[in-house]
Structure formats: structure tokens, C-alpha cells
Amino acid sequence: MTKPTLPLSMAQTGSRLRIAAIAGGHSLVRKITEMGLKTGTEIEIRQQERGSVVVCRGQTRFAIGVGMAHRIMVEII
């Protein structure tokens, strides 16, 4: 049984998440994976404002705009 997923832009501040899928074209997927965010990566939302988010992976923080955050599908851990 698979866990339900939601777009990163809709997750709550403080949530611990796992990236389930990236719904986008080749260039978007490449851009996200070059940041070190790939399917299976665990992240935590530190800040959220109008769909844009700041996420942490370990000690590294990433600011992700609403358009990109809407295409990153996550599951709550």
C-alpha cells in the first residue's frame, strides 16, 4: 500500500517529508536533482509563504519557488 502524496507547496511548516516524485520535464527534474533533492530524499520544511518554501536536507537549506514546489510530490514521514 502506497502512502498518500501531496505537492510540497501544500505541506505544513515543520513537516518531515520524503520526496516521492518530481512531476515535470527533463530540465526541471535535472535542476532539482542537481540541488541534491531526488526521489527518496528526506527533507523538513523550515519556512513557508504563499506556496514558496524553505526546506532543509541535513544542514543545507534550499529556497524553492511556488512553481517548482507544486511539482515536487512528497509523503509525510
C-alpha atoms as a PDB file:
ATOM      1  CA  MET A   1       0.000   0.000   0.000  1.00  0.00           C
ATOM      2  CA  THR A   2       1.442   3.366  -1.033  1.00  0.00           C
ATOM      3  CA  LYS A   3       1.364   6.409   1.184  1.00  0.00           C
ATOM      4  CA  PRO A   4      -0.691   9.385   0.022  1.00  0.00           C
ATOM      5  CA  THR A   5       1.310  12.181  -1.596  1.00  0.00           C
ATOM      6  CA  LEU A   6       0.787  15.917  -1.846  1.00  0.00           C
ATOM      7  CA  PRO A   7       2.641  18.776  -3.521  1.00  0.00           C
ATOM      8  CA  LEU A   8       5.470  20.260  -1.447  1.00  0.00           C
ATOM      9  CA  SER A   9       3.750  23.651  -1.734  1.00  0.00           C
ATOM     10  CA  MET A  10       0.810  22.330   0.328  1.00  0.00           C
ATOM     11  CA  ALA A  11       2.780  20.744   3.206  1.00  0.00           C
ATOM     12  CA  GLN A  12       2.886  22.415   6.627  1.00  0.00           C
ATOM     13  CA  THR A  13       5.870  24.186   8.213  1.00  0.00           C
ATOM     14  CA  GLY A  14       7.828  21.779  10.422  1.00  0.00           C
ATOM     15  CA  SER A  15       6.746  18.703   8.451  1.00  0.00           C
ATOM     16  CA  ARG A  16       9.283  15.922   7.871  1.00  0.00           C
ATOM     17  CA  LEU A  17       8.793  14.643   4.347  1.00  0.00           C
ATOM     18  CA  ARG A  18      10.183  12.239   1.778  1.00  0.00           C
ATOM     19  CA  ILE A  19      10.263  13.181  -1.899  1.00  0.00           C
ATOM     20  CA  ALA A  20       8.029  10.670  -3.693  1.00  0.00           C
ATOM     21  CA  ALA A  21       8.172  12.023  -7.260  1.00  0.00           C
ATOM     22  CA  ILE A  22       9.051  15.028  -9.374  1.00  0.00           C
ATOM     23  CA  ALA A  23       6.321  15.849 -11.882  1.00  0.00           C
ATOM     24  CA  GLY A  24       7.957  17.881 -14.600  1.00  0.00           C
ATOM     25  CA  GLY A  25      10.031  17.923 -17.717  1.00  0.00           C
ATOM     26  CA  HIS A  26      13.635  16.843 -18.086  1.00  0.00           C
ATOM     27  CA  SER A  27      15.096  20.286 -17.301  1.00  0.00           C
ATOM     28  CA  LEU A  28      13.053  20.681 -14.104  1.00  0.00           C
ATOM     29  CA  VAL A  29      13.988  17.204 -12.894  1.00  0.00           C
ATOM     30  CA  ARG A  30      17.658  17.891 -13.674  1.00  0.00           C
ATOM     31  CA  LYS A  31      17.576  21.239 -11.853  1.00  0.00           C
ATOM     32  CA  ILE A  32      16.046  19.692  -8.723  1.00  0.00           C
ATOM     33  CA  THR A  33      18.379  16.688  -8.694  1.00  0.00           C
ATOM     34  CA  GLU A  34      21.424  18.938  -9.167  1.00  0.00           C
ATOM     35  CA  MET A  35      20.370  20.620  -5.911  1.00  0.00           C
ATOM     36  CA  GLY A  36      20.660  17.196  -4.265  1.00  0.00           C
ATOM     37  CA  LEU A  37      16.909  16.691  -3.978  1.00  0.00           C
ATOM     38  CA  LYS A  38      15.893  13.417  -5.598  1.00  0.00           C
ATOM     39  CA  THR A  39      13.249  10.757  -5.091  1.00  0.00           C
ATOM     40  CA  GLY A  40      13.655   9.228  -1.625  1.00  0.00           C
ATOM     41  CA  THR A  41      15.406  12.253  -0.089  1.00  0.00           C
ATOM     42  CA  GLU A  42      14.135  13.239   3.366  1.00  0.00           C
ATOM     43  CA  ILE A  43      13.553  16.951   3.935  1.00  0.00           C
ATOM     44  CA  GLU A  44      11.972  19.242   6.508  1.00  0.00           C
ATOM     45  CA  ILE A  45      10.023  22.429   5.822  1.00  0.00           C
ATOM     46  CA  ARG A  46      11.535  25.322   7.768  1.00  0.00           C
ATOM     47  CA  GLN A  47       9.500  28.175   6.324  1.00  0.00           C
ATOM     48  CA  GLN A  48       6.544  28.572   4.020  1.00  0.00           C
ATOM     49  CA  GLU A  49       4.935  31.630   2.480  1.00  0.00           C
ATOM     50  CA  ARG A  50       2.261  31.591  -0.242  1.00  0.00           C
ATOM     51  CA  GLY A  51       3.398  28.223  -1.589  1.00  0.00           C
ATOM     52  CA  SER A  52       7.121  29.028  -1.687  1.00  0.00           C
ATOM     53  CA  VAL A  53       9.127  27.022   0.837  1.00  0.00           C
ATOM     54  CA  VAL A  54      12.493  26.833   2.543  1.00  0.00           C
ATOM     55  CA  VAL A  55      13.456  23.209   3.119  1.00  0.00           C
ATOM     56  CA  CYS A  56      16.373  21.582   4.945  1.00  0.00           C
ATOM     57  CA  ARG A  57      18.257  18.475   3.954  1.00  0.00           C
ATOM     58  CA  GLY A  58      20.736  17.903   6.745  1.00  0.00           C
ATOM     59  CA  GLN A  59      22.430  21.263   7.373  1.00  0.00           C
ATOM     60  CA  THR A  60      21.704  22.581   3.875  1.00  0.00           C
ATOM     61  CA  ARG A  61      18.763  24.898   3.215  1.00  0.00           C
ATOM     62  CA  PHE A  62      17.050  25.393  -0.135  1.00  0.00           C
ATOM     63  CA  ALA A  63      14.579  28.099  -1.144  1.00  0.00           C
ATOM     64  CA  ILE A  64      12.070  26.692  -3.632  1.00  0.00           C
ATOM     65  CA  GLY A  65       9.570  28.841  -5.516  1.00  0.00           C
ATOM     66  CA  VAL A  66       5.877  28.025  -5.673  1.00  0.00           C
ATOM     67  CA  GLY A  67       6.001  26.721  -9.270  1.00  0.00           C
ATOM     68  CA  MET A  68       8.765  24.233  -8.523  1.00  0.00           C
ATOM     69  CA  ALA A  69       7.312  23.318  -5.101  1.00  0.00           C
ATOM     70  CA  HIS A  70       3.987  22.479  -6.729  1.00  0.00           C
ATOM     71  CA  ARG A  71       5.700  19.875  -8.942  1.00  0.00           C
ATOM     72  CA  ILE A  72       7.584  18.097  -6.144  1.00  0.00           C
ATOM     73  CA  MET A  73       5.348  15.391  -4.717  1.00  0.00           C
ATOM     74  CA  VAL A  74       6.080  14.388  -1.110  1.00  0.00           C
ATOM     75  CA  GLU A  75       4.825  11.955   1.501  1.00  0.00           C
ATOM     76  CA  ILE A  76       4.704  12.696   5.224  1.00  0.00           C
ATOM     77  CA  ILE A  77       7.116  10.621   7.302  1.00  0.00           C
END
